[in-house]
Amino acid sequence: MNSITFAPGAGHRRVDERTASTGRIAEGFSGLPERVSHRHVLTAFKRAAPYIGVPSRLVHAVDTLMSWSREVDWSEGQRPIVFPSNETLSQKLGIGIRQLQKLLNSATRWGLVAHRDSANGKRIGARGKRRPADLCLRDRP
């Protein structure tokens, strides 16, 4: 497999084939089947993780990220997105900011998390009646 990396400079995310592929999969998400909740997905993931070699720290991180997700985020026409700050997320996981950044990068390489970067590098989002969630996500130093 060829390795193409786009490294735009300090403070910006590196993009390689694997992270680009994860982003394309996330963009193609069209909702869960009827009678399947995001909790079912999380349970299946947690049961399968040891057998497919996903480290327990990533399982815990995905579980924590999904705790901010709402059922409506997984419905047709929506994307399951969350936007906690690095500070909040690192406190919840009991790790430092730099450890969190490395953990999120690892989750991206595993194809578990896709990032959506904003121009200013901040995580912003809001839930509403018409648009359950909208966000821009980028790890801040």
Foldseek 3Di string as FASTA:
>chain_A
DDWDWDDPDPFDDIDIPLLVVLVVVQVPQFADDPPQFVVNVLVVCVVCCVVVPNDPLLNVLLVVQCVQFDRVQRHGPHGGDDFDALVVSCVVSVHDSVVVVVSVVVCSSVSNDHAAADPVQHWDWDADDVHGMDIHHHRGD
